[in-house]
PDB file of all heavy atoms in Angstrom:
ATOM      1  N   ILE A   1       2.574   5.667   7.526  1.00  0.00           N
ATOM      2  CA  ILE A   1       2.985   6.841   6.739  1.00  0.00           C
ATOM      3  C   ILE A   1       2.278   6.818   5.383  1.00  0.00           C
ATOM      4  O   ILE A   1       2.906   6.905   4.313  1.00  0.00           O
ATOM      5  CB  ILE A   1       4.519   6.883   6.561  1.00  0.00           C
ATOM      6  CG1 ILE A   1       5.226   6.531   7.866  1.00  0.00           C
ATOM      7  CG2 ILE A   1       4.952   8.299   6.125  1.00  0.00           C
ATOM      8  CD1 ILE A   1       6.727   6.439   7.759  1.00  0.00           C
ATOM      9  N   LEU A   2       0.980   6.680   5.420  1.00  0.00           N
ATOM     10  CA  LEU A   2       0.214   6.556   4.191  1.00  0.00           C
ATOM     11  C   LEU A   2       0.237   7.854   3.400  1.00  0.00           C
ATOM     12  O   LEU A   2       0.232   8.963   3.966  1.00  0.00           O
ATOM     13  CB  LEU A   2      -1.219   6.134   4.501  1.00  0.00           C
ATOM     14  CG  LEU A   2      -1.364   4.642   4.829  1.00  0.00           C
ATOM     15  CD1 LEU A   2      -2.665   4.364   5.552  1.00  0.00           C
ATOM     16  CD2 LEU A   2      -1.268   3.820   3.560  1.00  0.00           C
ATOM     17  N   LYS A   3       0.252   7.697   2.079  1.00  0.00           N
ATOM     18  CA  LYS A   3       0.315   8.812   1.150  1.00  0.00           C
ATOM     19  C   LYS A   3      -0.923   8.786   0.254  1.00  0.00           C
ATOM     20  O   LYS A   3      -1.516   7.713   0.045  1.00  0.00           O
ATOM     21  CB  LYS A   3       1.570   8.700   0.290  1.00  0.00           C
ATOM     22  CG  LYS A   3       2.863   8.539   1.071  1.00  0.00           C
ATOM     23  CD  LYS A   3       4.034   8.281   0.133  1.00  0.00           C
ATOM     24  CE  LYS A   3       5.329   8.056   0.911  1.00  0.00           C
ATOM     25  NZ  LYS A   3       6.462   7.777   0.005  1.00  0.00           N
ATOM     26  N   PRO A   4      -1.274   9.916  -0.317  1.00  0.00           N
ATOM     27  CA  PRO A   4      -2.429   9.916  -1.238  1.00  0.00           C
ATOM     28  C   PRO A   4      -2.276   8.904  -2.376  1.00  0.00           C
ATOM     29  O   PRO A   4      -3.286   8.311  -2.805  1.00  0.00           O
ATOM     30  CB  PRO A   4      -2.445  11.358  -1.759  1.00  0.00           C
ATOM     31  CG  PRO A   4      -1.857  12.153  -0.639  1.00  0.00           C
ATOM     32  CD  PRO A   4      -0.789  11.274  -0.058  1.00  0.00           C
ATOM     33  N   GLU A   5      -1.054   8.670  -2.815  1.00  0.00           N
ATOM     34  CA  GLU A   5      -0.852   7.711  -3.909  1.00  0.00           C
ATOM     35  C   GLU A   5      -1.035   6.259  -3.467  1.00  0.00           C
ATOM     36  O   GLU A   5      -0.988   5.346  -4.292  1.00  0.00           O
ATOM     37  CB  GLU A   5       0.532   7.893  -4.549  1.00  0.00           C
ATOM     38  CG  GLU A   5       1.689   7.910  -3.575  1.00  0.00           C
ATOM     39  CD  GLU A   5       2.102   9.323  -3.177  1.00  0.00           C
ATOM     40  OE1 GLU A   5       1.200  10.177  -2.955  1.00  0.00           O
ATOM     41  OE2 GLU A   5       3.324   9.575  -3.087  1.00  0.00           O
ATOM     42  N   ASP A   6      -1.248   6.021  -2.177  1.00  0.00           N
ATOM     43  CA  ASP A   6      -1.587   4.682  -1.708  1.00  0.00           C
ATOM     44  C   ASP A   6      -3.077   4.390  -1.852  1.00  0.00           C
ATOM     45  O   ASP A   6      -3.513   3.259  -1.593  1.00  0.00           O
ATOM     46  CB  ASP A   6      -1.188   4.520  -0.238  1.00  0.00           C
ATOM     47  CG  ASP A   6       0.311   4.559  -0.020  1.00  0.00           C
ATOM     48  OD1 ASP A   6       1.048   3.955  -0.821  1.00  0.00           O
ATOM     49  OD2 ASP A   6       0.758   5.208   0.957  1.00  0.00           O
ATOM     50  N   THR A   7      -3.840   5.375  -2.255  1.00  0.00           N
ATOM     51  CA  THR A   7      -5.267   5.176  -2.464  1.00  0.00           C
ATOM     52  C   THR A   7      -5.502   4.134  -3.546  1.00  0.00           C
ATOM     53  O   THR A   7      -4.987   4.265  -4.670  1.00  0.00           O
ATOM     54  CB  THR A   7      -5.948   6.505  -2.847  1.00  0.00           C
ATOM     55  OG1 THR A   7      -5.848   7.419  -1.745  1.00  0.00           O
ATOM     56  CG2 THR A   7      -7.410   6.283  -3.202  1.00  0.00           C
ATOM     57  N   ALA A   8      -6.264   3.094  -3.209  1.00  0.00           N
ATOM     58  CA  ALA A   8      -6.506   1.993  -4.137  1.00  0.00           C
ATOM     59  C   ALA A   8      -7.463   1.002  -3.486  1.00  0.00           C
ATOM     60  O   ALA A   8      -7.765   1.104  -2.288  1.00  0.00           O
ATOM     61  CB  ALA A   8      -5.204   1.290  -4.483  1.00  0.00           C
ATOM     62  N   VAL A   9      -7.910   0.062  -4.294  1.00  0.00           N
ATOM     63  CA  VAL A   9      -8.585  -1.117  -3.754  1.00  0.00           C
ATOM     64  C   VAL A   9      -7.502  -2.156  -3.469  1.00  0.00           C
ATOM     65  O   VAL A   9      -6.698  -2.477  -4.347  1.00  0.00           O
ATOM     66  CB  VAL A   9      -9.631  -1.685  -4.729  1.00  0.00           C
ATOM     67  CG1 VAL A   9     -10.258  -2.950  -4.157  1.00  0.00           C
ATOM     68  CG2 VAL A   9     -10.704  -0.641  -5.022  1.00  0.00           C
ATOM     69  N   TYR A  10      -7.488  -2.655  -2.246  1.00  0.00           N
ATOM     70  CA  TYR A  10      -6.482  -3.629  -1.821  1.00  0.00           C
ATOM     71  C   TYR A  10      -7.115  -5.020  -1.806  1.00  0.00           C
ATOM     72  O   TYR A  10      -8.163  -5.233  -1.192  1.00  0.00           O
ATOM     73  CB  TYR A  10      -5.957  -3.256  -0.436  1.00  0.00           C
ATOM     74  CG  TYR A  10      -4.990  -2.094  -0.474  1.00  0.00           C
ATOM     75  CD1 TYR A  10      -5.437  -0.806  -0.776  1.00  0.00           C
ATOM     76  CD2 TYR A  10      -3.626  -2.278  -0.260  1.00  0.00           C
ATOM     77  CE1 TYR A  10      -4.551   0.262  -0.839  1.00  0.00           C
ATOM     78  CE2 TYR A  10      -2.739  -1.212  -0.319  1.00  0.00           C
ATOM     79  CZ  TYR A  10      -3.211   0.048  -0.611  1.00  0.00           C
ATOM     80  OH  TYR A  10      -2.322   1.099  -0.687  1.00  0.00           O
ATOM     81  N   TYR A  11      -6.446  -5.940  -2.508  1.00  0.00           N
ATOM     82  CA  TYR A  11      -6.955  -7.295  -2.676  1.00  0.00           C
ATOM     83  C   TYR A  11      -6.091  -8.292  -1.905  1.00  0.00           C
ATOM     84  O   TYR A  11      -4.863  -8.290  -2.047  1.00  0.00           O
ATOM     85  CB  TYR A  11      -6.972  -7.681  -4.145  1.00  0.00           C
ATOM     86  CG  TYR A  11      -7.928  -6.878  -4.989  1.00  0.00           C
ATOM     87  CD1 TYR A  11      -7.514  -5.722  -5.646  1.00  0.00           C
ATOM     88  CD2 TYR A  11      -9.260  -7.279  -5.130  1.00  0.00           C
ATOM     89  CE1 TYR A  11      -8.388  -4.984  -6.417  1.00  0.00           C
ATOM     90  CE2 TYR A  11     -10.136  -6.544  -5.910  1.00  0.00           C
ATOM     91  CZ  TYR A  11      -9.695  -5.403  -6.546  1.00  0.00           C
ATOM     92  OH  TYR A  11     -10.574  -4.671  -7.314  1.00  0.00           O
ATOM     93  N   CYS A  12      -6.761  -9.148  -1.161  1.00  0.00           N
ATOM     94  CA  CYS A  12      -6.079 -10.263  -0.515  1.00  0.00           C
ATOM     95  C   CYS A  12      -5.807 -11.342  -1.564  1.00  0.00           C
ATOM     96  O   CYS A  12      -6.607 -11.534  -2.502  1.00  0.00           O
ATOM     97  CB  CYS A  12      -6.962 -10.806   0.603  1.00  0.00           C
ATOM     98  SG  CYS A  12      -6.228 -12.177   1.525  1.00  0.00           S
ATOM     99  N   TYR A  13      -4.717 -12.053  -1.383  1.00  0.00           N
ATOM    100  CA  TYR A  13      -4.224 -13.002  -2.390  1.00  0.00           C
ATOM    101  C   TYR A  13      -3.741 -14.270  -1.695  1.00  0.00           C
ATOM    102  O   TYR A  13      -3.098 -14.201  -0.651  1.00  0.00           O
ATOM    103  CB  TYR A  13      -3.074 -12.320  -3.133  1.00  0.00           C
ATOM    104  CG  TYR A  13      -2.167 -13.194  -3.955  1.00  0.00           C
ATOM    105  CD1 TYR A  13      -2.526 -13.563  -5.242  1.00  0.00           C
ATOM    106  CD2 TYR A  13      -0.936 -13.614  -3.470  1.00  0.00           C
ATOM    107  CE1 TYR A  13      -1.676 -14.339  -6.026  1.00  0.00           C
ATOM    108  CE2 TYR A  13      -0.087 -14.387  -4.234  1.00  0.00           C
ATOM    109  CZ  TYR A  13      -0.462 -14.738  -5.513  1.00  0.00           C
ATOM    110  OH  TYR A  13       0.383 -15.498  -6.280  1.00  0.00           O
ATOM    111  N   LEU A  14      -4.067 -15.392  -2.290  1.00  0.00           N
ATOM    112  CA  LEU A  14      -3.548 -16.674  -1.816  1.00  0.00           C
ATOM    113  C   LEU A  14      -3.206 -17.524  -3.028  1.00  0.00           C
ATOM    114  O   LEU A  14      -4.053 -17.712  -3.912  1.00  0.00           O
ATOM    115  CB  LEU A  14      -4.569 -17.407  -0.935  1.00  0.00           C
ATOM    116  CG  LEU A  14      -4.083 -18.708  -0.289  1.00  0.00           C
ATOM    117  CD1 LEU A  14      -4.758 -18.931   1.059  1.00  0.00           C
ATOM    118  CD2 LEU A  14      -4.302 -19.926  -1.167  1.00  0.00           C
ATOM    119  N   ARG A  15      -1.973 -18.020  -3.048  1.00  0.00           N
ATOM    120  CA  ARG A  15      -1.529 -18.867  -4.157  1.00  0.00           C
ATOM    121  C   ARG A  15      -1.125 -20.230  -3.592  1.00  0.00           C
ATOM    122  O   ARG A  15      -0.284 -20.314  -2.686  1.00  0.00           O
ATOM    123  CB  ARG A  15      -0.350 -18.233  -4.884  1.00  0.00           C
ATOM    124  CG  ARG A  15       0.164 -19.042  -6.071  1.00  0.00           C
ATOM    125  CD  ARG A  15       1.264 -18.289  -6.786  1.00  0.00           C
ATOM    126  NE  ARG A  15       1.819 -19.039  -7.902  1.00  0.00           N
ATOM    127  CZ  ARG A  15       1.326 -19.009  -9.134  1.00  0.00           C
ATOM    128  NH1 ARG A  15       0.272 -18.259  -9.389  1.00  0.00           N
ATOM    129  NH2 ARG A  15       1.896 -19.704 -10.100  1.00  0.00           N
ATOM    130  N   GLN A  16      -1.752 -21.279  -4.121  1.00  0.00           N
ATOM    131  CA  GLN A  16      -1.364 -22.637  -3.770  1.00  0.00           C
ATOM    132  C   GLN A  16      -1.567 -23.528  -4.976  1.00  0.00           C
ATOM    133  O   GLN A  16      -2.529 -23.344  -5.732  1.00  0.00           O
ATOM    134  CB  GLN A  16      -2.154 -23.151  -2.562  1.00  0.00           C
ATOM    135  CG  GLN A  16      -3.655 -23.121  -2.715  1.00  0.00           C
ATOM    136  CD  GLN A  16      -4.391 -23.533  -1.457  1.00  0.00           C
ATOM    137  OE1 GLN A  16      -3.854 -23.496  -0.345  1.00  0.00           O
ATOM    138  NE2 GLN A  16      -5.642 -23.941  -1.598  1.00  0.00           N
ATOM    139  N   PHE A  17      -0.634 -24.465  -5.174  1.00  0.00           N
ATOM    140  CA  PHE A  17      -0.653 -25.350  -6.339  1.00  0.00           C
ATOM    141  C   PHE A  17      -0.766 -24.542  -7.637  1.00  0.00           C
ATOM    142  O   PHE A  17      -1.520 -24.920  -8.551  1.00  0.00           O
ATOM    143  CB  PHE A  17      -1.816 -26.346  -6.237  1.00  0.00           C
ATOM    144  CG  PHE A  17      -1.743 -27.199  -5.009  1.00  0.00           C
ATOM    145  CD1 PHE A  17      -2.699 -27.118  -4.024  1.00  0.00           C
ATOM    146  CD2 PHE A  17      -0.677 -28.087  -4.825  1.00  0.00           C
ATOM    147  CE1 PHE A  17      -2.626 -27.909  -2.882  1.00  0.00           C
ATOM    148  CE2 PHE A  17      -0.596 -28.869  -3.691  1.00  0.00           C
ATOM    149  CZ  PHE A  17      -1.571 -28.776  -2.716  1.00  0.00           C
ATOM    150  N   SER A  18      -0.039 -23.454  -7.709  1.00  0.00           N
ATOM    151  CA  SER A  18       0.008 -22.601  -8.897  1.00  0.00           C
ATOM    152  C   SER A  18      -1.340 -21.985  -9.260  1.00  0.00           C
ATOM    153  O   SER A  18      -1.529 -21.538 -10.393  1.00  0.00           O
ATOM    154  CB  SER A  18       0.560 -23.382 -10.101  1.00  0.00           C
ATOM    155  OG  SER A  18       1.854 -23.858  -9.813  1.00  0.00           O
ATOM    156  N   ILE A  19      -2.269 -21.952  -8.317  1.00  0.00           N
ATOM    157  CA  ILE A  19      -3.574 -21.334  -8.554  1.00  0.00           C
ATOM    158  C   ILE A  19      -3.680 -20.081  -7.690  1.00  0.00           C
ATOM    159  O   ILE A  19      -3.418 -20.122  -6.491  1.00  0.00           O
ATOM    160  CB  ILE A  19      -4.715 -22.310  -8.212  1.00  0.00           C
ATOM    161  CG1 ILE A  19      -4.648 -23.519  -9.130  1.00  0.00           C
ATOM    162  CG2 ILE A  19      -6.087 -21.612  -8.327  1.00  0.00           C
ATOM    163  CD1 ILE A  19      -5.607 -24.624  -8.770  1.00  0.00           C
ATOM    164  N   ASP A  20      -4.058 -18.983  -8.321  1.00  0.00           N
ATOM    165  CA  ASP A  20      -4.232 -17.712  -7.619  1.00  0.00           C
ATOM    166  C   ASP A  20      -5.686 -17.536  -7.195  1.00  0.00           C
ATOM    167  O   ASP A  20      -6.608 -17.747  -7.988  1.00  0.00           O
ATOM    168  CB  ASP A  20      -3.831 -16.545  -8.520  1.00  0.00           C
ATOM    169  CG  ASP A  20      -2.356 -16.567  -8.855  1.00  0.00           C
ATOM    170  OD1 ASP A  20      -1.582 -17.132  -8.068  1.00  0.00           O
ATOM    171  OD2 ASP A  20      -1.992 -16.004  -9.904  1.00  0.00           O
ATOM    172  N   ASN A  21      -5.874 -17.133  -5.967  1.00  0.00           N
ATOM    173  CA  ASN A  21      -7.203 -16.848  -5.420  1.00  0.00           C
ATOM    174  C   ASN A  21      -7.219 -15.411  -4.917  1.00  0.00           C
ATOM    175  O   ASN A  21      -6.217 -14.933  -4.357  1.00  0.00           O
ATOM    176  CB  ASN A  21      -7.526 -17.796  -4.268  1.00  0.00           C
ATOM    177  CG  ASN A  21      -7.507 -19.245  -4.687  1.00  0.00           C
ATOM    178  OD1 ASN A  21      -8.493 -19.771  -5.181  1.00  0.00           O
ATOM    179  ND2 ASN A  21      -6.367 -19.913  -4.499  1.00  0.00           N
ATOM    180  N   TRP A  22      -8.355 -14.751  -5.095  1.00  0.00           N
ATOM    181  CA  TRP A  22      -8.466 -13.334  -4.763  1.00  0.00           C
ATOM    182  C   TRP A  22      -9.674 -13.061  -3.885  1.00  0.00           C
ATOM    183  O   TRP A  22     -10.728 -13.678  -4.040  1.00  0.00           O
ATOM    184  CB  TRP A  22      -8.599 -12.506  -6.033  1.00  0.00           C
ATOM    185  CG  TRP A  22      -7.422 -12.642  -6.951  1.00  0.00           C
ATOM    186  CD1 TRP A  22      -7.293 -13.500  -8.005  1.00  0.00           C
ATOM    187  CD2 TRP A  22      -6.196 -11.890  -6.886  1.00  0.00           C
ATOM    188  NE1 TRP A  22      -6.064 -13.338  -8.592  1.00  0.00           N
ATOM    189  CE2 TRP A  22      -5.373 -12.354  -7.935  1.00  0.00           C
ATOM    190  CE3 TRP A  22      -5.716 -10.884  -6.050  1.00  0.00           C
ATOM    191  CZ2 TRP A  22      -4.098 -11.840  -8.170  1.00  0.00           C
ATOM    192  CZ3 TRP A  22      -4.452 -10.368  -6.288  1.00  0.00           C
ATOM    193  CH2 TRP A  22      -3.661 -10.848  -7.328  1.00  0.00           C
ATOM    194  N   GLY A  23      -9.515 -12.071  -3.007  1.00  0.00           N
ATOM    195  CA  GLY A  23     -10.652 -11.561  -2.267  1.00  0.00           C
ATOM    196  C   GLY A  23     -11.416 -10.545  -3.096  1.00  0.00           C
ATOM    197  O   GLY A  23     -11.046 -10.241  -4.235  1.00  0.00           O
ATOM    198  N   GLN A  24     -12.470  -9.989  -2.513  1.00  0.00           N
ATOM    199  CA  GLN A  24     -13.308  -9.043  -3.247  1.00  0.00           C
ATOM    200  C   GLN A  24     -12.729  -7.630  -3.216  1.00  0.00           C
ATOM    201  O   GLN A  24     -13.167  -6.764  -3.976  1.00  0.00           O
ATOM    202  CB  GLN A  24     -14.731  -9.040  -2.672  1.00  0.00           C
ATOM    203  CG  GLN A  24     -14.924  -8.212  -1.400  1.00  0.00           C
ATOM    204  CD  GLN A  24     -14.342  -8.855  -0.150  1.00  0.00           C
ATOM    205  OE1 GLN A  24     -13.842  -9.979  -0.191  1.00  0.00           O
ATOM    206  NE2 GLN A  24     -14.413  -8.144   0.958  1.00  0.00           N
TER     207      GLN A  24
END
């Protein structure tokens, strides 16, 4: 049920040992 306001760049995220990692 996607809406126009869902338009964005979506980033993958992984947090381990209090360190945040991001995709492109």
